[in-house]
Amino acid sequence: MSQPQPMKRKKFGPVVTVLLVVWAIPLTIAVLTFLLLAGLFLHLAAWCCWCVRGRYVLFVYSDSPIWHDYIEERILPRLSKRVVILNWSDRSRWQPTLGVLAFRYFGGDREFNPMAIVFRPLRLARKFRFYEPFCEFKHGKTEAVAKMESELYGLVDEITGSRTAS
């Protein structure tokens, strides 16, 4: 008596892999194109809506006791009318404005609070992430915050061709 032979399995693994790759490449290209176009649109909108009015900085911060008073007493007055402000603590009431869209695109999902995003005409935006410097500040080390502030003011002064108010 002969033993029944096991069913031969067809090997679909390589075929499925090829089909997934063929499907994933155009999808990846489409997503990357969309993200690049969104970034270009946000840059253009910031240049046209803010930079022509002398506003070059989007500043996002929260009501944290670590940095709130420092930012409101030292940083924001220095940037005066050159800044668009978003308070992270009020995010539940944010409307989909240019500032919110720009923050969500450029801010990312790490160390985004507090941060400044500087929009320079016909150049890519530059981000200043103050989170780590303020963590050091909390422990009495003020150098990192002072250095980042200085870089921020220097860039804004370079753009505007003037010195920010002291």
N, C-alpha and C. Protein backbone atom coordinates (compact mmCIF):
# COMPACT_ATOMS: atom_id res chain seq x y z
N MET A 1 0.83 -1.16 0.00
CA MET A 1 0.00 0.00 0.00
C MET A 1 0.89 1.24 0.00
N SER A 2 0.59 2.15 -0.86
CA SER A 2 1.43 3.35 -0.97
C SER A 2 0.90 4.46 -0.07
N GLN A 3 1.83 5.24 0.36
CA GLN A 3 1.48 6.36 1.24
C GLN A 3 1.01 7.54 0.39
N PRO A 4 0.02 8.30 0.90
CA PRO A 4 -0.41 9.47 0.12
C PRO A 4 0.71 10.51 0.11
N GLN A 5 0.91 11.10 -1.03
CA GLN A 5 1.94 12.11 -1.17
C GLN A 5 1.41 13.46 -0.68
N PRO A 6 2.26 14.20 0.03
CA PRO A 6 1.81 15.52 0.48
C PRO A 6 1.58 16.43 -0.71
N MET A 7 0.62 17.34 -0.52
CA MET A 7 0.31 18.29 -1.61
C MET A 7 1.50 19.22 -1.81
N LYS A 8 1.80 19.42 -3.04
CA LYS A 8 2.89 20.32 -3.34
C LYS A 8 2.39 21.76 -3.18
N ARG A 9 3.15 22.52 -2.41
CA ARG A 9 2.77 23.92 -2.19
C ARG A 9 3.41 24.78 -3.26
N LYS A 10 2.61 25.67 -3.76
CA LYS A 10 3.15 26.60 -4.74
C LYS A 10 3.84 27.72 -3.98
N LYS A 11 4.91 28.18 -4.52
CA LYS A 11 5.67 29.24 -3.85
C LYS A 11 5.24 30.58 -4.43
N PHE A 12 4.38 31.24 -3.65
CA PHE A 12 3.91 32.56 -4.06
C PHE A 12 4.73 33.68 -3.44
N GLY A 13 5.63 33.35 -2.52
CA GLY A 13 6.41 34.37 -1.82
C GLY A 13 7.08 35.38 -2.74
N PRO A 14 7.90 34.93 -3.69
CA PRO A 14 8.58 35.91 -4.56
C PRO A 14 7.60 36.72 -5.41
N VAL A 15 6.52 36.10 -5.85
CA VAL A 15 5.53 36.82 -6.67
C VAL A 15 4.86 37.91 -5.85
N VAL A 16 4.46 37.59 -4.63
CA VAL A 16 3.82 38.57 -3.75
C VAL A 16 4.77 39.71 -3.44
N THR A 17 6.03 39.37 -3.18
CA THR A 17 7.03 40.40 -2.89
C THR A 17 7.19 41.35 -4.07
N VAL A 18 7.29 40.82 -5.25
CA VAL A 18 7.43 41.66 -6.45
C VAL A 18 6.20 42.55 -6.62
N LEU A 19 5.02 41.99 -6.43
CA LEU A 19 3.79 42.78 -6.57
C LEU A 19 3.73 43.90 -5.53
N LEU A 20 4.15 43.61 -4.29
CA LEU A 20 4.15 44.65 -3.26
C LEU A 20 5.14 45.76 -3.59
N VAL A 21 6.30 45.40 -4.07
CA VAL A 21 7.30 46.40 -4.44
C VAL A 21 6.79 47.25 -5.59
N VAL A 22 6.21 46.60 -6.60
CA VAL A 22 5.67 47.33 -7.75
C VAL A 22 4.56 48.28 -7.31
N TRP A 23 3.77 47.90 -6.35
CA TRP A 23 2.70 48.74 -5.83
C TRP A 23 3.24 49.83 -4.91
N ALA A 24 4.25 49.51 -4.09
CA ALA A 24 4.75 50.45 -3.08
C ALA A 24 5.59 51.57 -3.68
N ILE A 25 6.32 51.32 -4.72
CA ILE A 25 7.18 52.37 -5.29
C ILE A 25 6.37 53.56 -5.79
N PRO A 26 5.35 53.38 -6.62
CA PRO A 26 4.57 54.55 -7.04
C PRO A 26 3.86 55.25 -5.88
N LEU A 27 3.39 54.47 -4.91
CA LEU A 27 2.74 55.07 -3.75
C LEU A 27 3.74 55.92 -2.97
N THR A 28 4.94 55.42 -2.77
CA THR A 28 5.98 56.17 -2.06
C THR A 28 6.33 57.45 -2.82
N ILE A 29 6.46 57.35 -4.12
CA ILE A 29 6.77 58.53 -4.93
C ILE A 29 5.64 59.56 -4.82
N ALA A 30 4.40 59.10 -4.84
CA ALA A 30 3.27 60.02 -4.72
C ALA A 30 3.24 60.72 -3.37
N VAL A 31 3.49 59.98 -2.30
CA VAL A 31 3.50 60.56 -0.95
C VAL A 31 4.63 61.57 -0.81
N LEU A 32 5.82 61.21 -1.27
CA LEU A 32 6.95 62.14 -1.19
C LEU A 32 6.71 63.40 -2.01
N THR A 33 6.12 63.24 -3.18
CA THR A 33 5.80 64.40 -4.02
C THR A 33 4.81 65.30 -3.30
N PHE A 34 3.78 64.71 -2.70
CA PHE A 34 2.80 65.50 -1.96
C PHE A 34 3.46 66.27 -0.82
N LEU A 35 4.33 65.59 -0.05
CA LEU A 35 5.00 66.25 1.07
C LEU A 35 5.91 67.38 0.60
N LEU A 36 6.63 67.17 -0.48
CA LEU A 36 7.49 68.23 -1.01
C LEU A 36 6.67 69.42 -1.51
N LEU A 37 5.57 69.14 -2.18
CA LEU A 37 4.71 70.23 -2.66
C LEU A 37 4.06 70.97 -1.50
N ALA A 38 3.67 70.26 -0.46
CA ALA A 38 3.10 70.90 0.73
C ALA A 38 4.13 71.83 1.37
N GLY A 39 5.36 71.37 1.50
CA GLY A 39 6.43 72.20 2.05
C GLY A 39 6.69 73.43 1.19
N LEU A 40 6.71 73.24 -0.12
CA LEU A 40 6.91 74.38 -1.03
C LEU A 40 5.77 75.38 -0.91
N PHE A 41 4.54 74.88 -0.86
CA PHE A 41 3.38 75.75 -0.70
C PHE A 41 3.45 76.54 0.61
N LEU A 42 3.82 75.87 1.70
CA LEU A 42 3.90 76.55 3.00
C LEU A 42 5.02 77.60 3.00
N HIS A 43 6.14 77.30 2.37
CA HIS A 43 7.20 78.30 2.24
C HIS A 43 6.69 79.52 1.46
N LEU A 44 6.07 79.26 0.31
CA LEU A 44 5.56 80.36 -0.51
C LEU A 44 4.51 81.18 0.24
N ALA A 45 3.63 80.51 0.94
CA ALA A 45 2.59 81.21 1.69
C ALA A 45 3.20 82.07 2.80
N ALA A 46 4.18 81.53 3.51
CA ALA A 46 4.84 82.30 4.57
C ALA A 46 5.56 83.50 3.98
N TRP A 47 6.25 83.31 2.87
CA TRP A 47 6.96 84.43 2.24
C TRP A 47 5.98 85.52 1.80
N CYS A 48 4.88 85.08 1.18
CA CYS A 48 3.91 86.05 0.65
C CYS A 48 3.05 86.71 1.73
N CYS A 49 2.68 85.96 2.74
CA CYS A 49 1.77 86.49 3.77
C CYS A 49 2.50 87.13 4.94
N TRP A 50 3.63 86.59 5.32
CA TRP A 50 4.32 87.08 6.51
C TRP A 50 5.54 87.94 6.18
N CYS A 51 6.42 87.42 5.36
CA CYS A 51 7.69 88.11 5.12
C CYS A 51 7.48 89.49 4.49
N VAL A 52 6.51 89.62 3.60
CA VAL A 52 6.26 90.94 3.00
C VAL A 52 5.76 91.94 4.03
N ARG A 53 5.25 91.43 5.16
CA ARG A 53 4.77 92.31 6.24
C ARG A 53 5.78 92.42 7.39
N GLY A 54 6.97 91.88 7.16
CA GLY A 54 8.02 92.00 8.16
C GLY A 54 7.98 90.95 9.26
N ARG A 55 7.19 89.92 9.08
CA ARG A 55 7.13 88.83 10.06
C ARG A 55 7.90 87.64 9.50
N TYR A 56 8.94 87.26 10.21
CA TYR A 56 9.81 86.20 9.73
C TYR A 56 9.86 84.99 10.64
N VAL A 57 9.33 85.11 11.85
CA VAL A 57 9.47 84.06 12.86
C VAL A 57 8.11 83.54 13.29
N LEU A 58 7.97 82.22 13.27
CA LEU A 58 6.83 81.55 13.89
C LEU A 58 7.37 80.98 15.20
N PHE A 59 6.84 81.44 16.33
CA PHE A 59 7.32 80.99 17.63
C PHE A 59 6.22 80.22 18.34
N VAL A 60 6.55 79.00 18.75
CA VAL A 60 5.59 78.14 19.44
C VAL A 60 6.15 77.84 20.83
N TYR A 61 5.32 78.06 21.84
CA TYR A 61 5.72 77.76 23.21
C TYR A 61 4.47 77.42 24.01
N SER A 62 4.66 77.03 25.25
CA SER A 62 3.52 76.65 26.09
C SER A 62 3.59 77.39 27.42
N ASP A 63 2.64 77.09 28.28
CA ASP A 63 2.58 77.72 29.60
C ASP A 63 3.42 76.98 30.63
N SER A 64 4.43 76.26 30.19
CA SER A 64 5.30 75.53 31.11
C SER A 64 5.99 76.50 32.06
N PRO A 65 6.04 76.18 33.34
CA PRO A 65 6.73 77.06 34.29
C PRO A 65 8.23 77.14 34.03
N ILE A 66 8.78 76.21 33.27
CA ILE A 66 10.21 76.23 32.98
C ILE A 66 10.57 77.38 32.05
N TRP A 67 9.76 77.63 31.03
CA TRP A 67 10.16 78.62 30.04
C TRP A 67 9.14 79.73 29.76
N HIS A 68 7.91 79.60 30.19
CA HIS A 68 6.88 80.58 29.84
C HIS A 68 7.29 82.02 30.15
N ASP A 69 7.64 82.30 31.40
CA ASP A 69 7.99 83.67 31.77
C ASP A 69 9.23 84.16 31.04
N TYR A 70 10.22 83.30 30.92
CA TYR A 70 11.46 83.68 30.22
C TYR A 70 11.15 84.09 28.78
N ILE A 71 10.36 83.29 28.10
CA ILE A 71 10.03 83.58 26.70
C ILE A 71 9.23 84.86 26.60
N GLU A 72 8.24 85.05 27.44
CA GLU A 72 7.40 86.25 27.36
C GLU A 72 8.14 87.52 27.78
N GLU A 73 9.10 87.39 28.68
CA GLU A 73 9.82 88.58 29.16
C GLU A 73 11.07 88.90 28.35
N ARG A 74 11.70 87.88 27.73
CA ARG A 74 12.98 88.12 27.07
C ARG A 74 12.95 87.91 25.56
N ILE A 75 12.39 86.79 25.11
CA ILE A 75 12.49 86.46 23.69
C ILE A 75 11.46 87.20 22.85
N LEU A 76 10.19 87.09 23.21
CA LEU A 76 9.14 87.70 22.39
C LEU A 76 9.28 89.23 22.28
N PRO A 77 9.58 89.94 23.37
CA PRO A 77 9.76 91.40 23.21
C PRO A 77 10.91 91.75 22.27
N ARG A 78 11.95 90.92 22.26
CA ARG A 78 13.10 91.17 21.38
C ARG A 78 12.74 90.98 19.92
N LEU A 79 11.82 90.05 19.66
CA LEU A 79 11.41 89.81 18.28
C LEU A 79 10.31 90.77 17.85
N SER A 80 9.68 91.41 18.81
CA SER A 80 8.61 92.41 18.64
C SER A 80 7.63 92.05 17.53
N LYS A 81 7.53 92.87 16.52
CA LYS A 81 6.51 92.68 15.48
C LYS A 81 6.96 91.75 14.37
N ARG A 82 8.08 91.10 14.55
CA ARG A 82 8.60 90.18 13.53
C ARG A 82 8.16 88.74 13.76
N VAL A 83 7.24 88.52 14.70
CA VAL A 83 6.91 87.17 15.12
C VAL A 83 5.42 86.88 15.03
N VAL A 84 5.12 85.63 14.65
CA VAL A 84 3.77 85.07 14.73
C VAL A 84 3.84 84.07 15.87
N ILE A 85 2.91 84.15 16.81
CA ILE A 85 2.99 83.36 18.04
C ILE A 85 1.87 82.33 18.10
N LEU A 86 2.25 81.11 18.49
CA LEU A 86 1.28 80.06 18.80
C LEU A 86 1.58 79.54 20.20
N ASN A 87 0.54 79.42 21.02
CA ASN A 87 0.71 78.87 22.35
C ASN A 87 0.23 77.42 22.34
N TRP A 88 1.16 76.50 22.54
CA TRP A 88 0.86 75.07 22.52
C TRP A 88 -0.21 74.70 23.54
N SER A 89 -0.26 75.40 24.65
CA SER A 89 -1.25 75.10 25.68
C SER A 89 -2.67 75.39 25.19
N ASP A 90 -2.81 76.22 24.17
CA ASP A 90 -4.13 76.56 23.61
C ASP A 90 -4.44 75.78 22.35
N ARG A 91 -3.73 74.72 22.06
CA ARG A 91 -3.86 74.01 20.79
C ARG A 91 -5.26 73.45 20.55
N SER A 92 -6.03 73.18 21.60
CA SER A 92 -7.39 72.66 21.40
C SER A 92 -8.29 73.70 20.73
N ARG A 93 -7.90 74.97 20.80
CA ARG A 93 -8.70 76.05 20.18
C ARG A 93 -8.09 76.55 18.88
N TRP A 94 -7.01 75.94 18.42
CA TRP A 94 -6.37 76.39 17.18
C TRP A 94 -7.29 76.14 15.99
N GLN A 95 -7.34 77.10 15.13
CA GLN A 95 -8.02 76.97 13.85
C GLN A 95 -6.96 76.62 12.80
N PRO A 96 -7.35 76.06 11.68
CA PRO A 96 -6.34 75.71 10.66
C PRO A 96 -5.83 76.94 9.90
N THR A 97 -4.99 77.72 10.57
CA THR A 97 -4.39 78.91 9.98
C THR A 97 -3.04 78.56 9.36
N LEU A 98 -2.45 79.53 8.67
CA LEU A 98 -1.13 79.32 8.10
C LEU A 98 -0.11 78.97 9.18
N GLY A 99 -0.18 79.64 10.32
CA GLY A 99 0.74 79.37 11.41
C GLY A 99 0.63 77.94 11.92
N VAL A 100 -0.58 77.47 12.10
CA VAL A 100 -0.80 76.11 12.59
C VAL A 100 -0.32 75.09 11.56
N LEU A 101 -0.67 75.32 10.29
CA LEU A 101 -0.24 74.39 9.24
C LEU A 101 1.28 74.36 9.12
N ALA A 102 1.90 75.53 9.18
CA ALA A 102 3.37 75.59 9.09
C ALA A 102 4.01 74.90 10.28
N PHE A 103 3.47 75.13 11.47
CA PHE A 103 4.02 74.47 12.66
C PHE A 103 3.90 72.96 12.56
N ARG A 104 2.75 72.47 12.14
CA ARG A 104 2.55 71.02 12.06
C ARG A 104 3.47 70.39 11.00
N TYR A 105 3.73 71.12 9.94
CA TYR A 105 4.61 70.59 8.89
C TYR A 105 6.08 70.65 9.32
N PHE A 106 6.52 71.81 9.77
CA PHE A 106 7.95 72.01 10.06
C PHE A 106 8.34 71.58 11.48
N GLY A 107 7.39 71.55 12.40
CA GLY A 107 7.70 71.27 13.79
C GLY A 107 8.06 69.82 14.07
N GLY A 108 7.50 68.92 13.32
CA GLY A 108 7.79 67.51 13.57
C GLY A 108 7.12 67.01 14.84
N ASP A 109 7.58 65.89 15.33
CA ASP A 109 6.94 65.31 16.51
C ASP A 109 7.92 65.12 17.67
N ARG A 110 9.04 65.84 17.63
CA ARG A 110 9.99 65.76 18.73
C ARG A 110 10.51 67.16 19.03
N GLU A 111 10.69 67.44 20.27
CA GLU A 111 11.29 68.69 20.73
C GLU A 111 10.75 69.92 19.99
N PHE A 112 9.45 69.98 19.84
CA PHE A 112 8.84 71.08 19.09
C PHE A 112 8.32 72.20 19.99
N ASN A 113 8.52 72.08 21.28
CA ASN A 113 7.98 73.07 22.19
C ASN A 113 8.99 73.34 23.30
N PRO A 114 9.50 74.53 23.38
CA PRO A 114 9.32 75.68 22.50
C PRO A 114 10.24 75.60 21.28
N MET A 115 9.82 76.29 20.23
CA MET A 115 10.63 76.35 19.03
C MET A 115 10.31 77.59 18.23
N ALA A 116 11.29 78.01 17.45
CA ALA A 116 11.11 79.12 16.52
C ALA A 116 11.41 78.59 15.13
N ILE A 117 10.60 78.99 14.18
CA ILE A 117 10.83 78.66 12.78
C ILE A 117 11.01 79.99 12.06
N VAL A 118 12.16 80.18 11.46
CA VAL A 118 12.46 81.43 10.78
C VAL A 118 12.30 81.22 9.28
N PHE A 119 11.44 82.03 8.67
CA PHE A 119 11.22 81.98 7.23
C PHE A 119 12.03 83.08 6.58
N ARG A 120 12.90 82.66 5.67
CA ARG A 120 13.76 83.60 4.95
C ARG A 120 13.33 83.62 3.51
N PRO A 121 13.09 84.80 2.94
CA PRO A 121 12.65 84.86 1.55
C PRO A 121 13.57 84.09 0.61
N LEU A 122 12.95 83.24 -0.20
CA LEU A 122 13.63 82.44 -1.21
C LEU A 122 14.68 81.48 -0.64
N ARG A 123 14.54 81.10 0.62
CA ARG A 123 15.42 80.12 1.24
C ARG A 123 14.57 79.21 2.12
N LEU A 124 15.13 78.07 2.47
CA LEU A 124 14.41 77.13 3.33
C LEU A 124 14.30 77.68 4.75
N ALA A 125 13.22 77.31 5.41
CA ALA A 125 13.01 77.73 6.79
C ALA A 125 14.07 77.10 7.69
N ARG A 126 14.41 77.83 8.75
CA ARG A 126 15.38 77.31 9.72
C ARG A 126 14.68 77.15 11.06
N LYS A 127 14.89 76.01 11.71
CA LYS A 127 14.23 75.71 12.98
C LYS A 127 15.21 75.86 14.14
N PHE A 128 14.69 76.43 15.22
CA PHE A 128 15.43 76.55 16.47
C PHE A 128 14.63 75.82 17.53
N ARG A 129 15.09 74.65 17.92
CA ARG A 129 14.39 73.84 18.91
C ARG A 129 14.96 74.16 20.29
N PHE A 130 14.17 74.83 21.11
CA PHE A 130 14.62 75.30 22.42
C PHE A 130 14.41 74.28 23.54
N TYR A 131 13.82 73.13 23.25
CA TYR A 131 13.49 72.18 24.31
C TYR A 131 14.71 71.74 25.11
N GLU A 132 15.73 71.22 24.44
CA GLU A 132 16.93 70.75 25.15
C GLU A 132 17.63 71.89 25.90
N PRO A 133 17.84 73.06 25.26
CA PRO A 133 18.46 74.15 26.01
C PRO A 133 17.67 74.53 27.27
N PHE A 134 16.35 74.49 27.21
CA PHE A 134 15.57 74.81 28.40
C PHE A 134 15.61 73.68 29.44
N CYS A 135 15.84 72.45 29.01
CA CYS A 135 16.04 71.37 29.99
C CYS A 135 17.32 71.64 30.78
N GLU A 136 18.36 72.11 30.10
CA GLU A 136 19.59 72.48 30.79
C GLU A 136 19.37 73.72 31.66
N PHE A 137 18.59 74.66 31.14
CA PHE A 137 18.27 75.90 31.86
C PHE A 137 17.60 75.59 33.19
N LYS A 138 16.75 74.58 33.18
CA LYS A 138 16.03 74.16 34.39
C LYS A 138 17.01 73.75 35.49
N HIS A 139 18.18 73.26 35.09
CA HIS A 139 19.20 72.81 36.05
C HIS A 139 20.29 73.86 36.26
N GLY A 140 19.98 75.11 35.88
CA GLY A 140 20.91 76.20 36.15
C GLY A 140 21.95 76.44 35.08
N LYS A 141 21.91 75.71 33.98
CA LYS A 141 22.87 75.91 32.89
C LYS A 141 22.22 76.78 31.82
N THR A 142 22.58 78.04 31.79
CA THR A 142 21.91 79.01 30.91
C THR A 142 22.61 79.21 29.57
N GLU A 143 23.79 78.62 29.39
CA GLU A 143 24.58 78.88 28.19
C GLU A 143 23.87 78.44 26.91
N ALA A 144 23.26 77.28 26.91
CA ALA A 144 22.63 76.75 25.69
C ALA A 144 21.46 77.63 25.24
N VAL A 145 20.65 78.10 26.19
CA VAL A 145 19.54 78.99 25.84
C VAL A 145 20.09 80.29 25.29
N ALA A 146 21.09 80.86 25.94
CA ALA A 146 21.68 82.12 25.48
C ALA A 146 22.28 81.97 24.09
N LYS A 147 22.94 80.85 23.83
CA LYS A 147 23.55 80.63 22.52
C LYS A 147 22.48 80.52 21.43
N MET A 148 21.42 79.76 21.71
CA MET A 148 20.37 79.59 20.71
C MET A 148 19.63 80.91 20.47
N GLU A 149 19.40 81.66 21.55
CA GLU A 149 18.78 82.98 21.41
C GLU A 149 19.63 83.87 20.51
N SER A 150 20.92 83.88 20.76
CA SER A 150 21.84 84.71 20.00
C SER A 150 21.82 84.34 18.52
N GLU A 151 21.80 83.05 18.23
CA GLU A 151 21.72 82.59 16.83
C GLU A 151 20.41 83.03 16.19
N LEU A 152 19.31 82.92 16.93
CA LEU A 152 18.01 83.33 16.43
C LEU A 152 17.99 84.82 16.13
N TYR A 153 18.43 85.64 17.08
CA TYR A 153 18.45 87.09 16.86
C TYR A 153 19.37 87.46 15.72
N GLY A 154 20.51 86.79 15.63
CA GLY A 154 21.45 87.07 14.55
C GLY A 154 20.84 86.80 13.18
N LEU A 155 20.12 85.69 13.06
CA LEU A 155 19.49 85.36 11.78
C LEU A 155 18.39 86.37 11.44
N VAL A 156 17.58 86.72 12.42
CA VAL A 156 16.51 87.70 12.18
C VAL A 156 17.12 89.05 11.80
N ASP A 157 18.19 89.45 12.49
CA ASP A 157 18.86 90.71 12.16
C ASP A 157 19.43 90.67 10.75
N GLU A 158 19.98 89.53 10.37
CA GLU A 158 20.54 89.38 9.02
C GLU A 158 19.46 89.53 7.96
N ILE A 159 18.30 88.94 8.21
CA ILE A 159 17.19 89.02 7.26
C ILE A 159 16.67 90.45 7.14
N THR A 160 16.48 91.09 8.29
CA THR A 160 15.86 92.41 8.29
C THR A 160 16.85 93.52 8.04
N GLY A 161 18.13 93.21 8.14
CA GLY A 161 19.14 94.25 7.93
C GLY A 161 19.21 95.25 9.07
N SER A 162 18.73 94.84 10.22
CA SER A 162 18.74 95.72 11.39
C SER A 162 19.05 94.91 12.63
N ARG A 163 19.10 95.59 13.72
CA ARG A 163 19.33 94.92 15.00
C ARG A 163 18.01 94.82 15.72
N THR A 164 17.68 93.61 16.26
CA THR A 164 16.42 93.46 17.00
C THR A 164 16.47 94.30 18.25
N ALA A 165 15.32 94.79 18.66
CA ALA A 165 15.24 95.67 19.83
C ALA A 165 15.79 94.95 21.05
N SER A 166 16.56 95.65 21.85
CA SER A 166 17.17 95.04 23.04
C SER A 166 16.28 95.12 24.23
